[in-house]
Amino acid sequence: MLFAIDISTWPGVNQAFLVSFAAAILLTLAVIPYGKRRPIGTPFSWGEAMLASVYAFAVMFIAYGVVPDRWIQHADKNLHWSKQKLLYGWGDILKPKALGGNFPFTVSYQELRDIVVVVLHVIFFGLQIWVWSWWQKRGKKAVSTEIETSVYGRPLVKKV
Protein backbone atom coordinates (compact mmCIF):
# COMPACT_ATOMS: atom_id res chain seq x y z
CA MET A 1 0.00 0.00 0.00
CA LEU A 2 1.27 3.46 -0.86
CA PHE A 3 0.10 6.50 1.06
CA ALA A 4 0.39 9.94 -0.44
CA ILE A 5 0.19 12.71 2.11
CA ASP A 6 0.11 16.32 1.01
CA ILE A 7 1.15 18.28 4.08
CA SER A 8 0.44 21.58 2.31
CA THR A 9 -3.27 20.86 2.78
CA TRP A 10 -3.00 20.46 6.56
CA PRO A 11 -4.55 23.30 8.54
CA GLY A 12 -1.97 25.74 9.87
CA VAL A 13 0.65 24.98 7.21
CA ASN A 14 1.62 27.91 5.00
CA GLN A 15 4.32 27.36 2.41
CA ALA A 16 5.28 31.03 2.07
CA PHE A 17 5.88 31.36 5.80
CA LEU A 18 7.76 28.06 6.13
CA VAL A 19 9.99 28.71 3.10
CA SER A 20 10.84 32.26 4.19
CA PHE A 21 11.54 31.09 7.76
CA ALA A 22 13.82 28.28 6.55
CA ALA A 23 15.53 30.61 4.05
CA ALA A 24 16.25 33.21 6.74
CA ILE A 25 17.76 30.60 9.07
CA LEU A 26 19.82 28.92 6.34
CA LEU A 27 21.08 32.19 4.87
CA THR A 28 22.08 33.38 8.35
CA LEU A 29 23.95 30.17 9.09
CA ALA A 30 25.58 30.13 5.61
CA VAL A 31 28.08 32.65 6.98
CA ILE A 32 29.71 29.93 9.12
CA PRO A 33 31.14 27.77 6.29
CA TYR A 34 32.37 30.93 4.57
CA GLY A 35 34.00 32.11 7.80
CA LYS A 36 35.77 28.78 8.23
CA ARG A 37 37.25 29.02 4.70
CA ARG A 38 38.29 32.66 4.84
CA PRO A 39 41.77 33.32 6.28
CA ILE A 40 41.58 35.21 9.56
CA GLY A 41 42.76 38.82 9.37
CA THR A 42 42.45 39.07 5.58
CA PRO A 43 41.08 42.53 4.74
CA PHE A 44 37.96 42.78 2.61
CA SER A 45 38.22 44.44 -0.76
CA TRP A 46 35.71 47.14 -1.67
CA GLY A 47 33.73 44.70 -3.83
CA GLU A 48 33.65 42.03 -1.12
CA ALA A 49 32.45 44.58 1.42
CA MET A 50 29.64 45.73 -0.89
CA LEU A 51 28.60 42.15 -1.61
CA ALA A 52 28.64 41.31 2.12
CA SER A 53 26.55 44.37 2.95
CA VAL A 54 23.94 43.50 0.29
CA TYR A 55 23.87 39.91 1.59
CA ALA A 56 23.44 41.06 5.20
CA PHE A 57 20.68 43.49 4.20
CA ALA A 58 18.86 40.79 2.22
CA VAL A 59 19.03 38.32 5.10
CA MET A 60 17.77 40.93 7.57
CA PHE A 61 15.02 41.97 5.15
CA ILE A 62 13.83 38.36 4.93
CA ALA A 63 14.17 37.72 8.67
CA TYR A 64 12.60 40.95 9.97
CA GLY A 65 10.32 41.85 7.07
CA VAL A 66 9.16 38.88 5.04
CA VAL A 67 8.90 36.19 7.74
CA PRO A 68 6.75 38.26 10.17
CA ASP A 69 4.59 39.52 7.28
CA ARG A 70 4.00 36.01 5.99
CA TRP A 71 3.08 34.87 9.53
CA ILE A 72 0.62 37.75 9.97
CA GLN A 73 -0.95 37.08 6.55
CA HIS A 74 -1.20 33.37 7.36
CA ALA A 75 -2.74 33.97 10.79
CA ASP A 76 -5.24 36.49 9.42
CA LYS A 77 -6.31 34.78 6.20
CA ASN A 78 -5.80 31.04 6.75
CA LEU A 79 -6.21 30.63 10.50
CA HIS A 80 -8.76 33.48 10.81
CA TRP A 81 -7.14 34.86 13.97
CA SER A 82 -8.94 38.14 14.55
CA LYS A 83 -9.79 40.50 17.41
CA GLN A 84 -13.27 38.96 17.61
CA LYS A 85 -11.96 35.40 18.07
CA LEU A 86 -11.16 35.07 21.78
CA LEU A 87 -8.56 32.76 23.22
CA TYR A 88 -9.88 30.59 26.05
CA GLY A 89 -7.07 28.03 26.26
CA TRP A 90 -7.29 24.46 27.49
CA GLY A 91 -10.13 23.99 29.93
CA ASP A 92 -11.12 27.67 29.57
CA ILE A 93 -8.13 28.70 31.69
CA LEU A 94 -7.84 32.02 29.79
CA LYS A 95 -11.57 32.77 29.79
CA PRO A 96 -11.94 36.41 30.87
CA LYS A 97 -13.84 37.52 33.97
CA ALA A 98 -16.09 39.61 31.75
CA LEU A 99 -17.42 36.39 30.20
CA GLY A 100 -17.66 34.35 33.42
CA GLY A 101 -14.11 33.03 33.65
CA ASN A 102 -11.26 33.66 36.10
CA PHE A 103 -8.66 35.33 33.86
CA PRO A 104 -8.31 39.06 34.64
CA PHE A 105 -8.29 40.32 31.03
CA THR A 106 -9.50 39.36 27.58
CA VAL A 107 -7.02 37.76 25.17
CA SER A 108 -7.84 37.43 21.50
CA TYR A 109 -6.08 35.41 18.83
CA GLN A 110 -4.79 38.66 17.33
CA GLU A 111 -2.68 39.22 20.46
CA LEU A 112 -1.39 35.65 20.19
CA ARG A 113 -0.49 36.33 16.55
CA ASP A 114 1.46 39.42 17.61
CA ILE A 115 3.26 37.49 20.37
CA VAL A 116 4.39 34.96 17.75
CA VAL A 117 5.79 37.86 15.68
CA VAL A 118 7.76 39.11 18.70
CA VAL A 119 9.11 35.59 19.31
CA LEU A 120 10.18 35.37 15.66
CA HIS A 121 12.07 38.66 16.03
CA VAL A 122 13.75 37.43 19.22
CA ILE A 123 14.80 34.17 17.50
CA PHE A 124 16.39 35.99 14.57
CA PHE A 125 17.97 38.67 16.75
CA GLY A 126 19.52 36.01 19.00
CA LEU A 127 20.73 34.01 15.99
CA GLN A 128 22.27 37.11 14.46
CA ILE A 129 24.07 38.05 17.67
CA TRP A 130 25.39 34.49 17.96
CA VAL A 131 26.68 34.49 14.35
CA TRP A 132 28.32 37.92 14.81
CA SER A 133 29.97 36.69 18.02
CA TRP A 134 31.14 33.51 16.30
CA TRP A 135 32.65 35.54 13.45
CA GLN A 136 34.56 37.79 15.86
CA LYS A 137 35.87 34.87 17.92
CA ARG A 138 36.80 32.55 15.06
CA GLY A 139 40.41 31.44 15.08
CA LYS A 140 41.06 32.56 18.65
CA LYS A 141 42.46 29.85 20.88
CA ALA A 142 41.33 29.47 24.45
CA VAL A 143 43.90 30.57 27.02
CA SER A 144 45.54 27.53 28.57
CA THR A 145 45.62 27.39 32.38
CA GLU A 146 47.95 24.39 32.53
CA ILE A 147 51.24 24.83 34.33
CA GLU A 148 54.33 23.63 32.51
CA THR A 149 55.73 20.43 34.01
CA SER A 150 59.24 19.06 34.25
CA VAL A 151 60.46 15.77 32.80
CA TYR A 152 59.54 14.16 36.14
CA GLY A 153 55.95 15.48 36.03
CA ARG A 154 56.38 18.18 38.67
CA PRO A 155 55.08 21.69 37.98
CA LEU A 156 57.71 24.25 37.02
CA VAL A 157 57.08 27.28 39.18
CA LYS A 158 59.45 30.20 39.52
CA LYS A 159 60.09 31.45 43.02
CA VAL A 160 60.02 35.19 43.38
C-alpha atoms as a PDB file:
ATOM      1  CA  MET A   1       0.000   0.000   0.000  1.00  0.00           C
ATOM      2  CA  LEU A   2       1.271   3.461  -0.862  1.00  0.00           C
ATOM      3  CA  PHE A   3       0.095   6.501   1.058  1.00  0.00           C
ATOM      4  CA  ALA A   4       0.395   9.945  -0.441  1.00  0.00           C
ATOM      5  CA  ILE A   5       0.189  12.712   2.108  1.00  0.00           C
ATOM      6  CA  ASP A   6       0.115  16.316   1.008  1.00  0.00           C
ATOM      7  CA  ILE A   7       1.148  18.284   4.080  1.00  0.00           C
ATOM      8  CA  SER A   8       0.445  21.582   2.312  1.00  0.00           C
ATOM      9  CA  THR A   9      -3.274  20.856   2.782  1.00  0.00           C
ATOM     10  CA  TRP A  10      -2.995  20.465   6.562  1.00  0.00           C
ATOM     11  CA  PRO A  11      -4.545  23.304   8.543  1.00  0.00           C
ATOM     12  CA  GLY A  12      -1.966  25.743   9.873  1.00  0.00           C
ATOM     13  CA  VAL A  13       0.652  24.985   7.206  1.00  0.00           C
ATOM     14  CA  ASN A  14       1.624  27.911   4.999  1.00  0.00           C
ATOM     15  CA  GLN A  15       4.324  27.359   2.409  1.00  0.00           C
ATOM     16  CA  ALA A  16       5.280  31.027   2.069  1.00  0.00           C
ATOM     17  CA  PHE A  17       5.878  31.358   5.801  1.00  0.00           C
ATOM     18  CA  LEU A  18       7.757  28.065   6.128  1.00  0.00           C
ATOM     19  CA  VAL A  19       9.990  28.712   3.098  1.00  0.00           C
ATOM     20  CA  SER A  20      10.835  32.261   4.188  1.00  0.00           C
ATOM     21  CA  PHE A  21      11.536  31.091   7.763  1.00  0.00           C
ATOM     22  CA  ALA A  22      13.823  28.275   6.551  1.00  0.00           C
ATOM     23  CA  ALA A  23      15.531  30.605   4.049  1.00  0.00           C
ATOM     24  CA  ALA A  24      16.246  33.207   6.740  1.00  0.00           C
ATOM     25  CA  ILE A  25      17.758  30.596   9.067  1.00  0.00           C
ATOM     26  CA  LEU A  26      19.819  28.916   6.336  1.00  0.00           C
ATOM     27  CA  LEU A  27      21.081  32.195   4.873  1.00  0.00           C
ATOM     28  CA  THR A  28      22.076  33.385   8.348  1.00  0.00           C
ATOM     29  CA  LEU A  29      23.949  30.167   9.087  1.00  0.00           C
ATOM     30  CA  ALA A  30      25.581  30.132   5.615  1.00  0.00           C
ATOM     31  CA  VAL A  31      28.085  32.648   6.979  1.00  0.00           C
ATOM     32  CA  ILE A  32      29.712  29.927   9.118  1.00  0.00           C
ATOM     33  CA  PRO A  33      31.140  27.765   6.292  1.00  0.00           C
ATOM     34  CA  TYR A  34      32.371  30.932   4.570  1.00  0.00           C
ATOM     35  CA  GLY A  35      34.004  32.108   7.798  1.00  0.00           C
ATOM     36  CA  LYS A  36      35.772  28.776   8.227  1.00  0.00           C
ATOM     37  CA  ARG A  37      37.245  29.020   4.695  1.00  0.00           C
ATOM     38  CA  ARG A  38      38.285  32.664   4.835  1.00  0.00           C
ATOM     39  CA  PRO A  39      41.769  33.317   6.281  1.00  0.00           C
ATOM     40  CA  ILE A  40      41.581  35.208   9.558  1.00  0.00           C
ATOM     41  CA  GLY A  41      42.761  38.820   9.368  1.00  0.00           C
ATOM     42  CA  THR A  42      42.449  39.072   5.584  1.00  0.00           C
ATOM     43  CA  PRO A  43      41.081  42.525   4.743  1.00  0.00           C
ATOM     44  CA  PHE A  44      37.959  42.783   2.610  1.00  0.00           C
ATOM     45  CA  SER A  45      38.217  44.442  -0.759  1.00  0.00           C
ATOM     46  CA  TRP A  46      35.706  47.145  -1.668  1.00  0.00           C
ATOM     47  CA  GLY A  47      33.729  44.703  -3.828  1.00  0.00           C
ATOM     48  CA  GLU A  48      33.649  42.026  -1.115  1.00  0.00           C
ATOM     49  CA  ALA A  49      32.448  44.578   1.416  1.00  0.00           C
ATOM     50  CA  MET A  50      29.641  45.735  -0.895  1.00  0.00           C
ATOM     51  CA  LEU A  51      28.599  42.149  -1.608  1.00  0.00           C
ATOM     52  CA  ALA A  52      28.644  41.308   2.116  1.00  0.00           C
ATOM     53  CA  SER A  53      26.546  44.368   2.949  1.00  0.00           C
ATOM     54  CA  VAL A  54      23.940  43.500   0.295  1.00  0.00           C
ATOM     55  CA  TYR A  55      23.868  39.908   1.586  1.00  0.00           C
ATOM     56  CA  ALA A  56      23.444  41.056   5.201  1.00  0.00           C
ATOM     57  CA  PHE A  57      20.682  43.485   4.198  1.00  0.00           C
ATOM     58  CA  ALA A  58      18.860  40.785   2.219  1.00  0.00           C
ATOM     59  CA  VAL A  59      19.031  38.319   5.101  1.00  0.00           C
ATOM     60  CA  MET A  60      17.770  40.926   7.575  1.00  0.00           C
ATOM     61  CA  PHE A  61      15.018  41.967   5.148  1.00  0.00           C
ATOM     62  CA  ILE A  62      13.829  38.362   4.926  1.00  0.00           C
ATOM     63  CA  ALA A  63      14.165  37.724   8.671  1.00  0.00           C
ATOM     64  CA  TYR A  64      12.604  40.946   9.970  1.00  0.00           C
ATOM     65  CA  GLY A  65      10.316  41.855   7.073  1.00  0.00           C
ATOM     66  CA  VAL A  66       9.156  38.883   5.038  1.00  0.00           C
ATOM     67  CA  VAL A  67       8.901  36.193   7.738  1.00  0.00           C
ATOM     68  CA  PRO A  68       6.747  38.260  10.167  1.00  0.00           C
ATOM     69  CA  ASP A  69       4.586  39.524   7.284  1.00  0.00           C
ATOM     70  CA  ARG A  70       4.005  36.008   5.992  1.00  0.00           C
ATOM     71  CA  TRP A  71       3.085  34.871   9.525  1.00  0.00           C
ATOM     72  CA  ILE A  72       0.618  37.752   9.971  1.00  0.00           C
ATOM     73  CA  GLN A  73      -0.950  37.075   6.553  1.00  0.00           C
ATOM     74  CA  HIS A  74      -1.198  33.367   7.357  1.00  0.00           C
ATOM     75  CA  ALA A  75      -2.737  33.969  10.787  1.00  0.00           C
ATOM     76  CA  ASP A  76      -5.242  36.490   9.419  1.00  0.00           C
ATOM     77  CA  LYS A  77      -6.306  34.780   6.198  1.00  0.00           C
ATOM     78  CA  ASN A  78      -5.804  31.039   6.747  1.00  0.00           C
ATOM     79  CA  LEU A  79      -6.211  30.630  10.496  1.00  0.00           C
ATOM     80  CA  HIS A  80      -8.762  33.477  10.813  1.00  0.00           C
ATOM     81  CA  TRP A  81      -7.137  34.860  13.968  1.00  0.00           C
ATOM     82  CA  SER A  82      -8.942  38.138  14.552  1.00  0.00           C
ATOM     83  CA  LYS A  83      -9.793  40.504  17.405  1.00  0.00           C
ATOM     84  CA  GLN A  84     -13.271  38.957  17.611  1.00  0.00           C
ATOM     85  CA  LYS A  85     -11.960  35.396  18.066  1.00  0.00           C
ATOM     86  CA  LEU A  86     -11.163  35.074  21.778  1.00  0.00           C
ATOM     87  CA  LEU A  87      -8.557  32.758  23.220  1.00  0.00           C
ATOM     88  CA  TYR A  88      -9.876  30.590  26.050  1.00  0.00           C
ATOM     89  CA  GLY A  89      -7.066  28.026  26.259  1.00  0.00           C
ATOM     90  CA  TRP A  90      -7.294  24.463  27.490  1.00  0.00           C
ATOM     91  CA  GLY A  91     -10.129  23.995  29.926  1.00  0.00           C
ATOM     92  CA  ASP A  92     -11.123  27.673  29.567  1.00  0.00           C
ATOM     93  CA  ILE A  93      -8.126  28.701  31.690  1.00  0.00           C
ATOM     94  CA  LEU A  94      -7.841  32.021  29.790  1.00  0.00           C
ATOM     95  CA  LYS A  95     -11.569  32.772  29.787  1.00  0.00           C
ATOM     96  CA  PRO A  96     -11.942  36.408  30.866  1.00  0.00           C
ATOM     97  CA  LYS A  97     -13.839  37.517  33.965  1.00  0.00           C
ATOM     98  CA  ALA A  98     -16.093  39.615  31.749  1.00  0.00           C
ATOM     99  CA  LEU A  99     -17.421  36.386  30.202  1.00  0.00           C
ATOM    100  CA  GLY A 100     -17.659  34.351  33.424  1.00  0.00           C
ATOM    101  CA  GLY A 101     -14.110  33.029  33.646  1.00  0.00           C
ATOM    102  CA  ASN A 102     -11.264  33.655  36.100  1.00  0.00           C
ATOM    103  CA  PHE A 103      -8.661  35.328  33.857  1.00  0.00           C
ATOM    104  CA  PRO A 104      -8.309  39.059  34.639  1.00  0.00           C
ATOM    105  CA  PHE A 105      -8.287  40.319  31.032  1.00  0.00           C
ATOM    106  CA  THR A 106      -9.498  39.356  27.580  1.00  0.00           C
ATOM    107  CA  VAL A 107      -7.016  37.759  25.169  1.00  0.00           C
ATOM    108  CA  SER A 108      -7.836  37.425  21.495  1.00  0.00           C
ATOM    109  CA  TYR A 109      -6.080  35.409  18.831  1.00  0.00           C
ATOM    110  CA  GLN A 110      -4.794  38.659  17.333  1.00  0.00           C
ATOM    111  CA  GLU A 111      -2.683  39.219  20.460  1.00  0.00           C
ATOM    112  CA  LEU A 112      -1.389  35.645  20.191  1.00  0.00           C
ATOM    113  CA  ARG A 113      -0.486  36.332  16.550  1.00  0.00           C
ATOM    114  CA  ASP A 114       1.464  39.421  17.611  1.00  0.00           C
ATOM    115  CA  ILE A 115       3.259  37.489  20.366  1.00  0.00           C
ATOM    116  CA  VAL A 116       4.394  34.958  17.752  1.00  0.00           C
ATOM    117  CA  VAL A 117       5.785  37.858  15.678  1.00  0.00           C
ATOM    118  CA  VAL A 118       7.758  39.106  18.697  1.00  0.00           C
ATOM    119  CA  VAL A 119       9.110  35.587  19.313  1.00  0.00           C
ATOM    120  CA  LEU A 120      10.178  35.373  15.656  1.00  0.00           C
ATOM    121  CA  HIS A 121      12.068  38.664  16.028  1.00  0.00           C
ATOM    122  CA  VAL A 122      13.753  37.432  19.215  1.00  0.00           C
ATOM    123  CA  ILE A 123      14.799  34.173  17.497  1.00  0.00           C
ATOM    124  CA  PHE A 124      16.387  35.992  14.567  1.00  0.00           C
ATOM    125  CA  PHE A 125      17.967  38.674  16.747  1.00  0.00           C
ATOM    126  CA  GLY A 126      19.522  36.006  19.000  1.00  0.00           C
ATOM    127  CA  LEU A 127      20.730  34.006  15.992  1.00  0.00           C
ATOM    128  CA  GLN A 128      22.270  37.112  14.456  1.00  0.00           C
ATOM    129  CA  ILE A 129      24.072  38.051  17.666  1.00  0.00           C
ATOM    130  CA  TRP A 130      25.391  34.491  17.965  1.00  0.00           C
ATOM    131  CA  VAL A 131      26.682  34.493  14.352  1.00  0.00           C
ATOM    132  CA  TRP A 132      28.322  37.917  14.815  1.00  0.00           C
ATOM    133  CA  SER A 133      29.974  36.693  18.020  1.00  0.00           C
ATOM    134  CA  TRP A 134      31.138  33.508  16.299  1.00  0.00           C
ATOM    135  CA  TRP A 135      32.646  35.537  13.446  1.00  0.00           C
ATOM    136  CA  GLN A 136      34.564  37.794  15.855  1.00  0.00           C
ATOM    137  CA  LYS A 137      35.870  34.869  17.922  1.00  0.00           C
ATOM    138  CA  ARG A 138      36.795  32.548  15.060  1.00  0.00           C
ATOM    139  CA  GLY A 139      40.406  31.442  15.079  1.00  0.00           C
ATOM    140  CA  LYS A 140      41.062  32.563  18.647  1.00  0.00           C
ATOM    141  CA  LYS A 141      42.459  29.852  20.879  1.00  0.00           C
ATOM    142  CA  ALA A 142      41.332  29.468  24.455  1.00  0.00           C
ATOM    143  CA  VAL A 143      43.905  30.572  27.021  1.00  0.00           C
ATOM    144  CA  SER A 144      45.537  27.531  28.571  1.00  0.00           C
ATOM    145  CA  THR A 145      45.624  27.388  32.376  1.00  0.00           C
ATOM    146  CA  GLU A 146      47.954  24.391  32.533  1.00  0.00           C
ATOM    147  CA  ILE A 147      51.236  24.832  34.330  1.00  0.00           C
ATOM    148  CA  GLU A 148      54.328  23.629  32.511  1.00  0.00           C
ATOM    149  CA  THR A 149      55.734  20.427  34.013  1.00  0.00           C
ATOM    150  CA  SER A 150      59.245  19.059  34.254  1.00  0.00           C
ATOM    151  CA  VAL A 151      60.457  15.770  32.805  1.00  0.00           C
ATOM    152  CA  TYR A 152      59.540  14.163  36.138  1.00  0.00           C
ATOM    153  CA  GLY A 153      55.947  15.480  36.027  1.00  0.00           C
ATOM    154  CA  ARG A 154      56.382  18.177  38.669  1.00  0.00           C
ATOM    155  CA  PRO A 155      55.078  21.687  37.980  1.00  0.00           C
ATOM    156  CA  LEU A 156      57.706  24.249  37.023  1.00  0.00           C
ATOM    157  CA  VAL A 157      57.076  27.278  39.175  1.00  0.00           C
ATOM    158  CA  LYS A 158      59.451  30.201  39.523  1.00  0.00           C
ATOM    159  CA  LYS A 159      60.093  31.450  43.025  1.00  0.00           C
ATOM    160  CA  VAL A 160      60.022  35.190  43.383  1.00  0.00           C
END
